[in-house]
């Protein structure tokens, strides 16, 4: 199975009682939905000091983003496969 990107919407609960609703994040290089959820949880734990827990509302594969990244060898511009049609040189 090749790694996929998931788009996760969630609510973030802080130890202080603050709630951040309707947050969204892309989680890349995941082997499945559960892996994406765990990676997001671990990431938020490491970045937010008063992190308590998250409630995940949706977790969907980012099929469009993965499709466009498949065109370019570097994963950048999806139109790289066309080359330079004007005959210029790359810098």
C-alpha atoms as a PDB file:
ATOM      1  CA  UNK A   1       0.000   0.000   0.000  1.00  0.00           C
ATOM      2  CA  UNK A   2       1.394   3.379  -0.920  1.00  0.00           C
ATOM      3  CA  UNK A   3       1.255   6.322   1.521  1.00  0.00           C
ATOM      4  CA  UNK A   4      -1.771   8.596   1.186  1.00  0.00           C
ATOM      5  CA  UNK A   5      -2.793  12.042   2.416  1.00  0.00           C
ATOM      6  CA  UNK A   6      -5.862  12.444   4.630  1.00  0.00           C
ATOM      7  CA  UNK A   7      -7.855  15.603   5.368  1.00  0.00           C
ATOM      8  CA  UNK A   8      -9.078  15.566   8.977  1.00  0.00           C
ATOM      9  CA  UNK A   9     -11.595  17.948  10.540  1.00  0.00           C
ATOM     10  CA  UNK A  10     -11.585  18.030  14.318  1.00  0.00           C
ATOM     11  CA  UNK A  11     -12.313  19.972  17.497  1.00  0.00           C
ATOM     12  CA  UNK A  12      -9.399  20.640  19.831  1.00  0.00           C
ATOM     13  CA  UNK A  13      -9.907  20.688  23.605  1.00  0.00           C
ATOM     14  CA  UNK A  14      -7.356  22.411  25.854  1.00  0.00           C
ATOM     15  CA  UNK A  15      -6.619  21.634  29.519  1.00  0.00           C
ATOM     16  CA  UNK A  16      -7.612  25.233  30.308  1.00  0.00           C
ATOM     17  CA  UNK A  17     -11.139  24.525  29.008  1.00  0.00           C
ATOM     18  CA  UNK A  18     -10.744  26.401  25.718  1.00  0.00           C
ATOM     19  CA  UNK A  19     -12.272  24.665  22.688  1.00  0.00           C
ATOM     20  CA  UNK A  20     -11.185  25.230  19.072  1.00  0.00           C
ATOM     21  CA  UNK A  21     -13.983  23.986  16.821  1.00  0.00           C
ATOM     22  CA  UNK A  22     -13.920  23.045  13.135  1.00  0.00           C
ATOM     23  CA  UNK A  23     -10.169  22.847  12.649  1.00  0.00           C
ATOM     24  CA  UNK A  24      -8.846  21.113   9.520  1.00  0.00           C
ATOM     25  CA  UNK A  25      -5.448  19.655   8.717  1.00  0.00           C
ATOM     26  CA  UNK A  26      -3.858  17.521   6.008  1.00  0.00           C
ATOM     27  CA  UNK A  27      -1.878  14.566   7.306  1.00  0.00           C
ATOM     28  CA  UNK A  28       0.583  13.191   4.746  1.00  0.00           C
ATOM     29  CA  UNK A  29       2.296   9.823   4.251  1.00  0.00           C
ATOM     30  CA  UNK A  30      -0.262   7.700   6.083  1.00  0.00           C
ATOM     31  CA  UNK A  31      -0.848   3.998   5.610  1.00  0.00           C
ATOM     32  CA  UNK A  32      -4.522   4.226   6.564  1.00  0.00           C
ATOM     33  CA  UNK A  33      -7.205   6.212   8.344  1.00  0.00           C
ATOM     34  CA  UNK A  34      -6.204   5.080  11.830  1.00  0.00           C
ATOM     35  CA  UNK A  35      -2.551   5.929  11.148  1.00  0.00           C
ATOM     36  CA  UNK A  36      -3.586   9.449  10.050  1.00  0.00           C
ATOM     37  CA  UNK A  37      -5.612   9.996  13.221  1.00  0.00           C
ATOM     38  CA  UNK A  38      -2.775   8.825  15.462  1.00  0.00           C
ATOM     39  CA  UNK A  39      -0.241  11.011  13.610  1.00  0.00           C
ATOM     40  CA  UNK A  40      -2.477  14.074  14.033  1.00  0.00           C
ATOM     41  CA  UNK A  41      -2.947  13.369  17.744  1.00  0.00           C
ATOM     42  CA  UNK A  42       0.812  12.961  18.302  1.00  0.00           C
ATOM     43  CA  UNK A  43       1.574  16.115  16.293  1.00  0.00           C
ATOM     44  CA  UNK A  44      -0.885  18.223  18.288  1.00  0.00           C
ATOM     45  CA  UNK A  45       0.485  16.835  21.587  1.00  0.00           C
ATOM     46  CA  UNK A  46       3.987  17.936  20.605  1.00  0.00           C
ATOM     47  CA  UNK A  47       2.997  21.412  19.366  1.00  0.00           C
ATOM     48  CA  UNK A  48       0.312  22.597  21.805  1.00  0.00           C
ATOM     49  CA  UNK A  49       1.337  22.988  25.439  1.00  0.00           C
ATOM     50  CA  UNK A  50      -2.101  22.675  27.054  1.00  0.00           C
ATOM     51  CA  UNK A  51      -3.411  19.988  24.690  1.00  0.00           C
ATOM     52  CA  UNK A  52      -5.998  17.721  26.323  1.00  0.00           C
ATOM     53  CA  UNK A  53      -7.705  15.761  23.534  1.00  0.00           C
ATOM     54  CA  UNK A  54      -9.312  16.001  20.080  1.00  0.00           C
ATOM     55  CA  UNK A  55     -12.617  14.852  18.691  1.00  0.00           C
ATOM     56  CA  UNK A  56     -12.364  13.903  15.031  1.00  0.00           C
ATOM     57  CA  UNK A  57     -15.424  14.721  12.913  1.00  0.00           C
ATOM     58  CA  UNK A  58     -14.265  13.537   9.471  1.00  0.00           C
ATOM     59  CA  UNK A  59     -11.240  11.797   8.018  1.00  0.00           C
ATOM     60  CA  UNK A  60     -11.148  11.562   4.226  1.00  0.00           C
ATOM     61  CA  UNK A  61      -8.491  10.705   1.665  1.00  0.00           C
ATOM     62  CA  UNK A  62      -7.190  13.727  -0.258  1.00  0.00           C
ATOM     63  CA  UNK A  63      -7.529  12.076  -3.655  1.00  0.00           C
ATOM     64  CA  UNK A  64      -7.219  15.297  -5.692  1.00  0.00           C
ATOM     65  CA  UNK A  65      -3.977  16.364  -4.007  1.00  0.00           C
ATOM     66  CA  UNK A  66      -2.437  12.910  -4.430  1.00  0.00           C
ATOM     67  CA  UNK A  67      -3.530  12.824  -8.074  1.00  0.00           C
ATOM     68  CA  UNK A  68      -1.925  16.192  -8.876  1.00  0.00           C
ATOM     69  CA  UNK A  69       1.303  15.285  -7.042  1.00  0.00           C
ATOM     70  CA  UNK A  70       1.569  12.200  -9.234  1.00  0.00           C
ATOM     71  CA  UNK A  71       2.211  14.276 -12.358  1.00  0.00           C
ATOM     72  CA  UNK A  72       5.457  15.971 -11.363  1.00  0.00           C
ATOM     73  CA  UNK A  73       8.550  13.986 -10.486  1.00  0.00           C
ATOM     74  CA  UNK A  74       9.391  16.472  -7.735  1.00  0.00           C
ATOM     75  CA  UNK A  75       5.795  16.601  -6.537  1.00  0.00           C
ATOM     76  CA  UNK A  76       5.637  20.304  -7.335  1.00  0.00           C
ATOM     77  CA  UNK A  77       3.937  21.780 -10.385  1.00  0.00           C
ATOM     78  CA  UNK A  78       1.502  19.273 -11.925  1.00  0.00           C
ATOM     79  CA  UNK A  79       2.301  20.679 -15.393  1.00  0.00           C
ATOM     80  CA  UNK A  80       6.054  19.905 -15.219  1.00  0.00           C
ATOM     81  CA  UNK A  81       5.493  16.968 -17.562  1.00  0.00           C
ATOM     82  CA  UNK A  82       4.869  19.477 -20.417  1.00  0.00           C
ATOM     83  CA  UNK A  83       8.420  20.800 -20.198  1.00  0.00           C
ATOM     84  CA  UNK A  84       9.350  24.291 -21.330  1.00  0.00           C
ATOM     85  CA  UNK A  85       7.242  24.919 -24.449  1.00  0.00           C
ATOM     86  CA  UNK A  86       8.940  28.266 -25.094  1.00  0.00           C
ATOM     87  CA  UNK A  87      12.486  26.874 -25.299  1.00  0.00           C
ATOM     88  CA  UNK A  88      13.891  28.770 -22.318  1.00  0.00           C
ATOM     89  CA  UNK A  89      16.380  27.406 -19.827  1.00  0.00           C
ATOM     90  CA  UNK A  90      15.709  26.565 -16.222  1.00  0.00           C
ATOM     91  CA  UNK A  91      17.591  28.578 -13.621  1.00  0.00           C
END
